[in-house]
Amino acid sequence: MKFNLANRITLVRISLVPIVMFFLLVRLDLGKFTLFGHTASWSDMIAALIFIIAAVTDGLDGYIARSRKMITDFGKFLDPLADKLLVSAVLISLVELDRLDAWVAIIIISREFAVTGLRLVAAANGTVIAASKLAKWKTTFQIVAIVALILNNFPFSTLDIRFDLWMVWAMVVITVWSGVDYFVKNKQAIQE
């Protein structure tokens, strides 16, 4: 199978998933740095950077596929799979690190499975459900919240601001909202 540039970028995103998990879960002694009395590890910084790079490739591969007319059935399948692998793997890792409550990860991952199921049912009936603007906001909130959690609320912890907690709540609300929105707007796909 010949892969176009957009699909190769998506494959890179998938290949970054175990690397992010490695830096999160294998506590390498790469040193730490301190800012205003609060410490962050270089392992967390590297994991956050790799996660951000992986998240950026999501927009990049979609842009390239649309602008160069490289949209393929394989890409339509692979891109959402890559997103779900990245977010699910990191959320589960954050639960393992005790930086995220399991119920939050369950809600977010469940929403992803539910919307994927809806899309599969709609596709079987010949309908394509495109990502909504609300879903794009959901993705943005998830990325920001996950980065804040990977960094253990650094640098906001230096100011005693619970940015990570605010972002987790915002992520949960918009994730549930966008999931309900998909089902309400596409209820005919279920009824068929």
N, C-alpha and C. Protein backbone atom coordinates (compact mmCIF):
# COMPACT_ATOMS: atom_id res chain seq x y z
N MET A 1 0.84 -1.18 0.00
CA MET A 1 0.00 0.00 0.00
C MET A 1 0.88 1.24 0.00
N LYS A 2 0.55 2.18 -0.88
CA LYS A 2 1.31 3.42 -0.98
C LYS A 2 0.64 4.48 -0.10
N PHE A 3 1.41 5.10 0.78
CA PHE A 3 0.88 6.10 1.69
C PHE A 3 1.18 7.49 1.16
N ASN A 4 0.17 8.36 1.19
CA ASN A 4 0.43 9.75 0.82
C ASN A 4 0.99 10.49 2.04
N LEU A 5 1.34 11.75 1.85
CA LEU A 5 1.98 12.53 2.92
C LEU A 5 1.07 12.66 4.14
N ALA A 6 -0.20 12.92 3.92
CA ALA A 6 -1.13 13.08 5.05
C ALA A 6 -1.20 11.79 5.87
N ASN A 7 -1.28 10.64 5.21
CA ASN A 7 -1.34 9.37 5.93
C ASN A 7 -0.03 9.06 6.65
N ARG A 8 1.08 9.47 6.07
CA ARG A 8 2.39 9.27 6.74
C ARG A 8 2.46 10.09 8.03
N ILE A 9 1.94 11.31 7.97
CA ILE A 9 1.94 12.15 9.18
C ILE A 9 1.06 11.51 10.25
N THR A 10 -0.07 10.96 9.85
CA THR A 10 -0.94 10.27 10.81
C THR A 10 -0.22 9.08 11.43
N LEU A 11 0.54 8.34 10.62
CA LEU A 11 1.31 7.20 11.14
C LEU A 11 2.38 7.66 12.12
N VAL A 12 2.96 8.83 11.86
CA VAL A 12 3.94 9.39 12.80
C VAL A 12 3.26 9.66 14.14
N ARG A 13 2.02 10.20 14.10
CA ARG A 13 1.28 10.47 15.34
C ARG A 13 1.09 9.18 16.12
N ILE A 14 0.72 8.11 15.45
CA ILE A 14 0.54 6.83 16.12
C ILE A 14 1.86 6.34 16.71
N SER A 15 2.96 6.53 15.98
CA SER A 15 4.26 6.07 16.48
C SER A 15 4.74 6.89 17.68
N LEU A 16 4.22 8.09 17.86
CA LEU A 16 4.60 8.92 19.00
C LEU A 16 3.90 8.51 20.30
N VAL A 17 2.79 7.76 20.18
CA VAL A 17 2.03 7.35 21.37
C VAL A 17 2.89 6.58 22.37
N PRO A 18 3.59 5.50 21.96
CA PRO A 18 4.40 4.80 22.95
C PRO A 18 5.57 5.63 23.49
N ILE A 19 6.04 6.58 22.71
CA ILE A 19 7.15 7.43 23.18
C ILE A 19 6.66 8.35 24.29
N VAL A 20 5.48 8.95 24.10
CA VAL A 20 4.90 9.79 25.15
C VAL A 20 4.70 8.96 26.41
N MET A 21 4.13 7.78 26.24
CA MET A 21 3.87 6.91 27.40
C MET A 21 5.17 6.51 28.10
N PHE A 22 6.20 6.27 27.32
CA PHE A 22 7.49 5.90 27.91
C PHE A 22 7.99 7.01 28.84
N PHE A 23 8.00 8.24 28.34
CA PHE A 23 8.50 9.35 29.17
C PHE A 23 7.58 9.65 30.36
N LEU A 24 6.28 9.33 30.23
CA LEU A 24 5.38 9.52 31.35
C LEU A 24 5.53 8.43 32.41
N LEU A 25 5.59 7.20 31.97
CA LEU A 25 5.48 6.07 32.90
C LEU A 25 6.82 5.51 33.38
N VAL A 26 7.85 5.63 32.56
CA VAL A 26 9.17 5.16 32.99
C VAL A 26 9.88 6.37 33.59
N ARG A 27 10.02 6.37 34.87
CA ARG A 27 10.55 7.55 35.56
C ARG A 27 12.07 7.61 35.41
N LEU A 28 12.49 8.15 34.30
CA LEU A 28 13.92 8.32 34.03
C LEU A 28 14.46 9.44 34.90
N ASP A 29 15.68 9.27 35.33
CA ASP A 29 16.31 10.31 36.14
C ASP A 29 17.04 11.28 35.20
N LEU A 30 16.26 12.12 34.53
CA LEU A 30 16.84 13.09 33.61
C LEU A 30 17.08 14.43 34.28
N GLY A 31 16.77 14.47 35.55
CA GLY A 31 16.96 15.70 36.30
C GLY A 31 15.67 16.49 36.43
N LYS A 32 15.74 17.52 37.21
CA LYS A 32 14.59 18.38 37.47
C LYS A 32 15.05 19.82 37.45
N PHE A 33 14.11 20.70 37.31
CA PHE A 33 14.43 22.11 37.46
C PHE A 33 13.38 22.75 38.35
N THR A 34 13.77 23.82 39.00
CA THR A 34 12.91 24.47 39.98
C THR A 34 12.67 25.90 39.56
N LEU A 35 11.41 26.33 39.71
CA LEU A 35 11.03 27.69 39.42
C LEU A 35 10.17 28.18 40.57
N PHE A 36 10.61 29.20 41.28
CA PHE A 36 9.89 29.77 42.42
C PHE A 36 9.51 28.70 43.44
N GLY A 37 10.40 27.76 43.66
CA GLY A 37 10.19 26.74 44.68
C GLY A 37 9.39 25.54 44.22
N HIS A 38 8.95 25.51 42.98
CA HIS A 38 8.19 24.37 42.46
C HIS A 38 9.04 23.63 41.44
N THR A 39 9.03 22.32 41.53
CA THR A 39 9.91 21.49 40.72
C THR A 39 9.14 20.76 39.62
N ALA A 40 9.76 20.65 38.46
CA ALA A 40 9.21 19.87 37.34
C ALA A 40 10.32 18.97 36.83
N SER A 41 9.93 17.80 36.34
CA SER A 41 10.93 16.86 35.84
C SER A 41 11.10 17.04 34.33
N TRP A 42 12.30 16.74 33.87
CA TRP A 42 12.55 16.81 32.44
C TRP A 42 11.78 15.71 31.70
N SER A 43 11.55 14.58 32.35
CA SER A 43 10.75 13.52 31.72
C SER A 43 9.36 14.03 31.38
N ASP A 44 8.74 14.75 32.32
CA ASP A 44 7.41 15.32 32.07
C ASP A 44 7.46 16.37 30.96
N MET A 45 8.50 17.18 30.96
CA MET A 45 8.64 18.21 29.92
C MET A 45 8.77 17.56 28.54
N ILE A 46 9.56 16.50 28.44
CA ILE A 46 9.74 15.80 27.16
C ILE A 46 8.43 15.14 26.74
N ALA A 47 7.73 14.50 27.69
CA ALA A 47 6.45 13.87 27.37
C ALA A 47 5.46 14.91 26.87
N ALA A 48 5.41 16.07 27.52
CA ALA A 48 4.49 17.14 27.10
C ALA A 48 4.84 17.64 25.70
N LEU A 49 6.13 17.82 25.44
CA LEU A 49 6.56 18.30 24.12
C LEU A 49 6.19 17.30 23.02
N ILE A 50 6.44 16.02 23.27
CA ILE A 50 6.10 15.00 22.27
C ILE A 50 4.59 14.92 22.08
N PHE A 51 3.83 15.04 23.18
CA PHE A 51 2.37 15.04 23.07
C PHE A 51 1.91 16.23 22.22
N ILE A 52 2.46 17.40 22.45
CA ILE A 52 2.08 18.60 21.69
C ILE A 52 2.40 18.40 20.21
N ILE A 53 3.57 17.86 19.91
CA ILE A 53 3.94 17.58 18.51
C ILE A 53 2.93 16.62 17.88
N ALA A 54 2.59 15.56 18.61
CA ALA A 54 1.62 14.59 18.10
C ALA A 54 0.26 15.26 17.88
N ALA A 55 -0.16 16.11 18.81
CA ALA A 55 -1.45 16.78 18.69
C ALA A 55 -1.46 17.74 17.49
N VAL A 56 -0.35 18.41 17.25
CA VAL A 56 -0.25 19.33 16.11
C VAL A 56 -0.35 18.57 14.79
N THR A 57 0.18 17.35 14.76
CA THR A 57 0.09 16.58 13.51
C THR A 57 -1.35 16.27 13.14
N ASP A 58 -2.26 16.29 14.11
CA ASP A 58 -3.67 16.04 13.81
C ASP A 58 -4.21 17.11 12.87
N GLY A 59 -3.96 18.35 13.18
CA GLY A 59 -4.41 19.42 12.30
C GLY A 59 -3.63 19.46 11.00
N LEU A 60 -2.35 19.15 11.08
CA LEU A 60 -1.48 19.20 9.91
C LEU A 60 -1.89 18.17 8.86
N ASP A 61 -2.11 16.92 9.29
CA ASP A 61 -2.45 15.90 8.29
C ASP A 61 -3.80 16.19 7.64
N GLY A 62 -4.75 16.70 8.43
CA GLY A 62 -6.05 17.06 7.86
C GLY A 62 -5.95 18.20 6.87
N TYR A 63 -5.16 19.21 7.22
CA TYR A 63 -4.96 20.35 6.32
C TYR A 63 -4.32 19.90 5.01
N ILE A 64 -3.29 19.09 5.11
CA ILE A 64 -2.59 18.62 3.90
C ILE A 64 -3.53 17.76 3.05
N ALA A 65 -4.28 16.88 3.69
CA ALA A 65 -5.19 16.01 2.93
C ALA A 65 -6.24 16.83 2.18
N ARG A 66 -6.78 17.85 2.83
CA ARG A 66 -7.82 18.67 2.17
C ARG A 66 -7.23 19.58 1.10
N SER A 67 -6.14 20.26 1.43
CA SER A 67 -5.59 21.25 0.50
C SER A 67 -4.95 20.61 -0.73
N ARG A 68 -4.42 19.42 -0.58
CA ARG A 68 -3.77 18.73 -1.72
C ARG A 68 -4.65 17.65 -2.32
N LYS A 69 -5.90 17.61 -1.85
CA LYS A 69 -6.86 16.61 -2.33
C LYS A 69 -6.30 15.19 -2.20
N MET A 70 -5.79 14.91 -0.99
CA MET A 70 -5.21 13.60 -0.67
C MET A 70 -6.12 12.80 0.26
N ILE A 71 -7.38 13.14 0.32
CA ILE A 71 -8.29 12.44 1.23
C ILE A 71 -8.52 11.02 0.70
N THR A 72 -8.25 10.05 1.57
CA THR A 72 -8.42 8.64 1.20
C THR A 72 -9.30 7.95 2.24
N ASP A 73 -9.87 6.81 1.86
CA ASP A 73 -10.66 6.04 2.82
C ASP A 73 -9.76 5.57 3.97
N PHE A 74 -8.53 5.21 3.63
CA PHE A 74 -7.58 4.78 4.67
C PHE A 74 -7.32 5.93 5.65
N GLY A 75 -7.15 7.13 5.14
CA GLY A 75 -6.94 8.30 5.99
C GLY A 75 -8.14 8.62 6.86
N LYS A 76 -9.35 8.45 6.30
CA LYS A 76 -10.58 8.68 7.07
C LYS A 76 -10.69 7.70 8.23
N PHE A 77 -10.17 6.51 8.04
CA PHE A 77 -10.17 5.50 9.10
C PHE A 77 -9.03 5.76 10.09
N LEU A 78 -7.84 6.03 9.55
CA LEU A 78 -6.63 6.11 10.38
C LEU A 78 -6.58 7.35 11.26
N ASP A 79 -7.01 8.51 10.74
CA ASP A 79 -6.89 9.76 11.48
C ASP A 79 -7.66 9.74 12.81
N PRO A 80 -8.95 9.39 12.82
CA PRO A 80 -9.64 9.36 14.12
C PRO A 80 -9.10 8.27 15.04
N LEU A 81 -8.63 7.17 14.45
CA LEU A 81 -8.03 6.11 15.27
C LEU A 81 -6.78 6.63 15.97
N ALA A 82 -5.95 7.35 15.24
CA ALA A 82 -4.72 7.92 15.82
C ALA A 82 -5.05 8.87 16.96
N ASP A 83 -6.07 9.70 16.77
CA ASP A 83 -6.48 10.65 17.82
C ASP A 83 -6.91 9.92 19.08
N LYS A 84 -7.73 8.90 18.90
CA LYS A 84 -8.25 8.15 20.05
C LYS A 84 -7.13 7.39 20.76
N LEU A 85 -6.20 6.83 20.00
CA LEU A 85 -5.06 6.13 20.62
C LEU A 85 -4.23 7.10 21.46
N LEU A 86 -3.94 8.26 20.89
CA LEU A 86 -3.11 9.24 21.61
C LEU A 86 -3.80 9.71 22.89
N VAL A 87 -5.02 10.16 22.78
CA VAL A 87 -5.72 10.71 23.95
C VAL A 87 -5.98 9.62 24.98
N SER A 88 -6.46 8.46 24.55
CA SER A 88 -6.76 7.37 25.49
C SER A 88 -5.50 6.90 26.23
N ALA A 89 -4.42 6.70 25.49
CA ALA A 89 -3.18 6.22 26.11
C ALA A 89 -2.66 7.20 27.15
N VAL A 90 -2.70 8.49 26.83
CA VAL A 90 -2.19 9.49 27.76
C VAL A 90 -3.12 9.63 28.96
N LEU A 91 -4.43 9.60 28.74
CA LEU A 91 -5.36 9.69 29.87
C LEU A 91 -5.17 8.52 30.83
N ILE A 92 -5.04 7.32 30.29
CA ILE A 92 -4.83 6.14 31.13
C ILE A 92 -3.50 6.25 31.88
N SER A 93 -2.48 6.76 31.21
CA SER A 93 -1.18 6.97 31.87
C SER A 93 -1.31 7.98 33.01
N LEU A 94 -2.08 9.03 32.79
CA LEU A 94 -2.27 10.05 33.84
C LEU A 94 -3.04 9.49 35.03
N VAL A 95 -3.97 8.57 34.77
CA VAL A 95 -4.67 7.90 35.87
C VAL A 95 -3.65 7.07 36.66
N GLU A 96 -2.79 6.35 35.94
CA GLU A 96 -1.75 5.53 36.59
C GLU A 96 -0.83 6.40 37.46
N LEU A 97 -0.55 7.60 37.00
CA LEU A 97 0.32 8.52 37.75
C LEU A 97 -0.42 9.26 38.86
N ASP A 98 -1.71 8.99 39.00
CA ASP A 98 -2.56 9.62 40.01
C ASP A 98 -2.66 11.14 39.80
N ARG A 99 -2.65 11.55 38.53
CA ARG A 99 -2.83 12.96 38.20
C ARG A 99 -4.22 13.24 37.65
N LEU A 100 -4.98 12.15 37.40
CA LEU A 100 -6.32 12.28 36.85
C LEU A 100 -7.20 11.21 37.47
N ASP A 101 -8.41 11.60 37.85
CA ASP A 101 -9.35 10.61 38.38
C ASP A 101 -9.81 9.69 37.26
N ALA A 102 -9.96 8.41 37.58
CA ALA A 102 -10.34 7.42 36.58
C ALA A 102 -11.69 7.75 35.94
N TRP A 103 -12.63 8.30 36.71
CA TRP A 103 -13.95 8.59 36.15
C TRP A 103 -13.87 9.59 35.00
N VAL A 104 -12.91 10.51 35.07
CA VAL A 104 -12.74 11.49 33.99
C VAL A 104 -12.28 10.78 32.72
N ALA A 105 -11.29 9.92 32.86
CA ALA A 105 -10.79 9.17 31.70
C ALA A 105 -11.90 8.30 31.12
N ILE A 106 -12.70 7.67 31.97
CA ILE A 106 -13.78 6.81 31.51
C ILE A 106 -14.81 7.61 30.72
N ILE A 107 -15.19 8.78 31.21
CA ILE A 107 -16.17 9.61 30.49
C ILE A 107 -15.63 10.00 29.11
N ILE A 108 -14.39 10.45 29.07
CA ILE A 108 -13.83 10.93 27.81
C ILE A 108 -13.66 9.78 26.82
N ILE A 109 -13.12 8.68 27.27
CA ILE A 109 -12.91 7.53 26.37
C ILE A 109 -14.26 6.95 25.94
N SER A 110 -15.23 6.90 26.84
CA SER A 110 -16.57 6.39 26.49
C SER A 110 -17.21 7.26 25.42
N ARG A 111 -17.07 8.57 25.56
CA ARG A 111 -17.63 9.48 24.54
C ARG A 111 -17.00 9.19 23.19
N GLU A 112 -15.68 8.97 23.17
CA GLU A 112 -15.00 8.69 21.90
C GLU A 112 -15.53 7.41 21.27
N PHE A 113 -15.71 6.36 22.07
CA PHE A 113 -16.26 5.11 21.54
C PHE A 113 -17.69 5.30 21.05
N ALA A 114 -18.49 6.04 21.80
CA ALA A 114 -19.89 6.25 21.43
C ALA A 114 -20.00 7.00 20.10
N VAL A 115 -19.23 8.06 19.94
CA VAL A 115 -19.28 8.83 18.70
C VAL A 115 -18.73 8.00 17.54
N THR A 116 -17.70 7.22 17.79
CA THR A 116 -17.18 6.33 16.74
C THR A 116 -18.24 5.33 16.32
N GLY A 117 -18.96 4.77 17.29
CA GLY A 117 -20.05 3.84 16.98
C GLY A 117 -21.13 4.51 16.14
N LEU A 118 -21.49 5.75 16.52
CA LEU A 118 -22.48 6.51 15.76
C LEU A 118 -22.01 6.70 14.32
N ARG A 119 -20.75 7.06 14.17
CA ARG A 119 -20.20 7.26 12.82
C ARG A 119 -20.23 5.98 12.00
N LEU A 120 -19.94 4.85 12.65
CA LEU A 120 -19.96 3.56 11.95
C LEU A 120 -21.37 3.21 11.49
N VAL A 121 -22.36 3.43 12.36
CA VAL A 121 -23.75 3.17 12.00
C VAL A 121 -24.17 4.07 10.84
N ALA A 122 -23.81 5.35 10.93
CA ALA A 122 -24.16 6.29 9.86
C ALA A 122 -23.46 5.90 8.55
N ALA A 123 -22.20 5.51 8.64
CA ALA A 123 -21.44 5.12 7.43
C ALA A 123 -22.06 3.89 6.78
N ALA A 124 -22.56 2.97 7.58
CA ALA A 124 -23.21 1.77 7.04
C ALA A 124 -24.46 2.15 6.25
N ASN A 125 -25.06 3.29 6.58
CA ASN A 125 -26.25 3.79 5.87
C ASN A 125 -25.87 4.82 4.80
N GLY A 126 -24.57 4.97 4.54
CA GLY A 126 -24.12 5.89 3.49
C GLY A 126 -24.01 7.34 3.89
N THR A 127 -24.02 7.61 5.20
CA THR A 127 -23.93 8.98 5.69
C THR A 127 -22.57 9.20 6.36
N VAL A 128 -21.94 10.31 6.02
CA VAL A 128 -20.67 10.67 6.66
C VAL A 128 -20.95 11.76 7.68
N ILE A 129 -20.52 11.54 8.91
CA ILE A 129 -20.68 12.55 9.96
C ILE A 129 -19.34 13.26 10.14
N ALA A 130 -19.32 14.50 9.71
CA ALA A 130 -18.08 15.29 9.82
C ALA A 130 -17.92 15.81 11.24
N ALA A 131 -16.69 16.15 11.57
CA ALA A 131 -16.41 16.72 12.89
C ALA A 131 -17.07 18.10 12.99
N SER A 132 -17.75 18.33 14.09
CA SER A 132 -18.42 19.62 14.30
C SER A 132 -17.44 20.63 14.89
N LYS A 133 -17.85 21.90 14.87
CA LYS A 133 -17.02 22.93 15.50
C LYS A 133 -16.88 22.67 16.99
N LEU A 134 -17.95 22.19 17.60
CA LEU A 134 -17.91 21.87 19.03
C LEU A 134 -16.90 20.75 19.30
N ALA A 135 -16.82 19.78 18.40
CA ALA A 135 -15.85 18.70 18.55
C ALA A 135 -14.42 19.22 18.42
N LYS A 136 -14.23 20.22 17.59
CA LYS A 136 -12.89 20.80 17.45
C LYS A 136 -12.50 21.56 18.73
N TRP A 137 -13.49 22.22 19.35
CA TRP A 137 -13.23 22.87 20.64
C TRP A 137 -12.92 21.82 21.70
N LYS A 138 -13.64 20.70 21.63
CA LYS A 138 -13.40 19.59 22.57
C LYS A 138 -11.96 19.14 22.47
N THR A 139 -11.48 18.99 21.25
CA THR A 139 -10.10 18.55 21.04
C THR A 139 -9.12 19.57 21.62
N THR A 140 -9.39 20.84 21.41
CA THR A 140 -8.51 21.89 21.95
C THR A 140 -8.46 21.84 23.47
N PHE A 141 -9.62 21.73 24.10
CA PHE A 141 -9.67 21.66 25.57
C PHE A 141 -8.96 20.41 26.07
N GLN A 142 -9.13 19.29 25.37
CA GLN A 142 -8.46 18.06 25.78
C GLN A 142 -6.94 18.22 25.72
N ILE A 143 -6.45 18.82 24.64
CA ILE A 143 -5.00 19.00 24.50
C ILE A 143 -4.45 19.88 25.62
N VAL A 144 -5.11 21.00 25.87
CA VAL A 144 -4.63 21.93 26.91
C VAL A 144 -4.68 21.25 28.28
N ALA A 145 -5.78 20.57 28.58
CA ALA A 145 -5.91 19.90 29.88
C ALA A 145 -4.86 18.81 30.05
N ILE A 146 -4.65 18.03 29.01
CA ILE A 146 -3.68 16.93 29.09
C ILE A 146 -2.27 17.47 29.29
N VAL A 147 -1.91 18.53 28.58
CA VAL A 147 -0.58 19.12 28.77
C VAL A 147 -0.43 19.64 30.19
N ALA A 148 -1.45 20.30 30.72
CA ALA A 148 -1.39 20.80 32.11
C ALA A 148 -1.21 19.64 33.08
N LEU A 149 -1.87 18.52 32.82
CA LEU A 149 -1.74 17.35 33.71
C LEU A 149 -0.38 16.67 33.56
N ILE A 150 0.11 16.58 32.34
CA ILE A 150 1.44 15.98 32.14
C ILE A 150 2.48 16.78 32.90
N LEU A 151 2.36 18.10 32.85
CA LEU A 151 3.32 18.98 33.53
C LEU A 151 3.01 19.14 35.01
N ASN A 152 1.99 18.41 35.48
CA ASN A 152 1.64 18.45 36.90
C ASN A 152 1.34 19.89 37.34
N ASN A 153 0.61 20.61 36.47
CA ASN A 153 0.18 21.99 36.70
C ASN A 153 1.34 22.99 36.74
N PHE A 154 2.48 22.61 36.22
CA PHE A 154 3.61 23.53 36.14
C PHE A 154 3.43 24.40 34.91
N PRO A 155 3.64 25.67 34.91
CA PRO A 155 4.16 26.56 35.93
C PRO A 155 3.08 27.20 36.81
N PHE A 156 1.81 26.84 36.58
CA PHE A 156 0.72 27.48 37.33
C PHE A 156 0.79 27.19 38.82
N SER A 157 1.41 26.05 39.16
CA SER A 157 1.55 25.72 40.59
C SER A 157 2.41 26.74 41.31
N THR A 158 3.30 27.41 40.58
CA THR A 158 4.14 28.44 41.22
C THR A 158 3.31 29.63 41.68
N LEU A 159 2.14 29.81 41.07
CA LEU A 159 1.26 30.92 41.42
C LEU A 159 0.06 30.46 42.24
N ASP A 160 0.06 29.19 42.64
CA ASP A 160 -1.05 28.58 43.36
C ASP A 160 -2.38 28.70 42.60
N ILE A 161 -2.30 28.53 41.29
CA ILE A 161 -3.49 28.54 40.43
C ILE A 161 -3.73 27.10 39.99
N ARG A 162 -4.95 26.60 40.19
CA ARG A 162 -5.30 25.23 39.81
C ARG A 162 -5.78 25.17 38.36
N PHE A 163 -4.93 25.63 37.45
CA PHE A 163 -5.24 25.64 36.03
C PHE A 163 -5.58 24.24 35.54
N ASP A 164 -4.83 23.24 36.01
CA ASP A 164 -5.08 21.86 35.57
C ASP A 164 -6.48 21.41 35.95
N LEU A 165 -6.92 21.74 37.15
CA LEU A 165 -8.26 21.35 37.61
C LEU A 165 -9.35 22.05 36.79
N TRP A 166 -9.17 23.34 36.54
CA TRP A 166 -10.14 24.08 35.73
C TRP A 166 -10.25 23.48 34.33
N MET A 167 -9.08 23.13 33.77
CA MET A 167 -9.09 22.59 32.41
C MET A 167 -9.70 21.19 32.36
N VAL A 168 -9.50 20.41 33.41
CA VAL A 168 -10.12 19.07 33.45
C VAL A 168 -11.64 19.22 33.46
N TRP A 169 -12.15 20.11 34.30
CA TRP A 169 -13.60 20.32 34.34
C TRP A 169 -14.13 20.84 33.01
N ALA A 170 -13.42 21.79 32.42
CA ALA A 170 -13.84 22.31 31.11
C ALA A 170 -13.81 21.20 30.06
N MET A 171 -12.78 20.37 30.11
CA MET A 171 -12.64 19.25 29.17
C MET A 171 -13.82 18.28 29.32
N VAL A 172 -14.18 17.95 30.54
CA VAL A 172 -15.29 17.02 30.78
C VAL A 172 -16.60 17.61 30.26
N VAL A 173 -16.86 18.87 30.60
CA VAL A 173 -18.12 19.50 30.19
C VAL A 173 -18.23 19.55 28.67
N ILE A 174 -17.20 20.02 27.99
CA ILE A 174 -17.29 20.16 26.53
C ILE A 174 -17.26 18.80 25.84
N THR A 175 -16.59 17.81 26.44
CA THR A 175 -16.58 16.47 25.87
C THR A 175 -17.98 15.86 25.92
N VAL A 176 -18.65 15.97 27.06
CA VAL A 176 -20.01 15.44 27.18
C VAL A 176 -20.96 16.22 26.28
N TRP A 177 -20.84 17.54 26.29
CA TRP A 177 -21.70 18.40 25.48
C TRP A 177 -21.57 18.05 23.99
N SER A 178 -20.33 17.91 23.51
CA SER A 178 -20.14 17.61 22.09
C SER A 178 -20.64 16.21 21.75
N GLY A 179 -20.52 15.26 22.68
CA GLY A 179 -21.04 13.92 22.45
C GLY A 179 -22.55 13.92 22.33
N VAL A 180 -23.22 14.62 23.25
CA VAL A 180 -24.69 14.73 23.18
C VAL A 180 -25.09 15.43 21.89
N ASP A 181 -24.36 16.46 21.52
CA ASP A 181 -24.64 17.21 20.29
C ASP A 181 -24.59 16.30 19.06
N TYR A 182 -23.59 15.43 18.99
CA TYR A 182 -23.49 14.48 17.87
C TYR A 182 -24.74 13.61 17.78
N PHE A 183 -25.17 13.08 18.91
CA PHE A 183 -26.32 12.18 18.90
C PHE A 183 -27.63 12.91 18.61
N VAL A 184 -27.79 14.12 19.13
CA VAL A 184 -29.00 14.89 18.86
C VAL A 184 -29.08 15.26 17.38
N LYS A 185 -27.99 15.75 16.81
CA LYS A 185 -27.98 16.19 15.42
C LYS A 185 -28.01 15.04 14.44
N ASN A 186 -27.67 13.84 14.89
CA ASN A 186 -27.60 12.69 13.97
C ASN A 186 -28.51 11.56 14.42
N LYS A 187 -29.60 11.89 15.08
CA LYS A 187 -30.50 10.85 15.60
C LYS A 187 -31.12 10.02 14.49
N GLN A 188 -31.24 10.59 13.28
CA GLN A 188 -31.79 9.82 12.18
C GLN A 188 -30.90 8.64 11.82
N ALA A 189 -29.61 8.74 12.05
CA ALA A 189 -28.69 7.63 11.77
C ALA A 189 -28.99 6.46 12.70
N ILE A 190 -29.41 6.75 13.94
CA ILE A 190 -29.74 5.69 14.89
C ILE A 190 -31.10 5.09 14.55
N GLN A 191 -32.04 5.96 14.19
CA GLN A 191 -33.40 5.49 13.89
C GLN A 191 -33.45 4.63 12.64
N GLU A 192 -32.56 4.89 11.69
CA GLU A 192 -32.51 4.06 10.48
C GLU A 192 -31.95 2.71 10.80
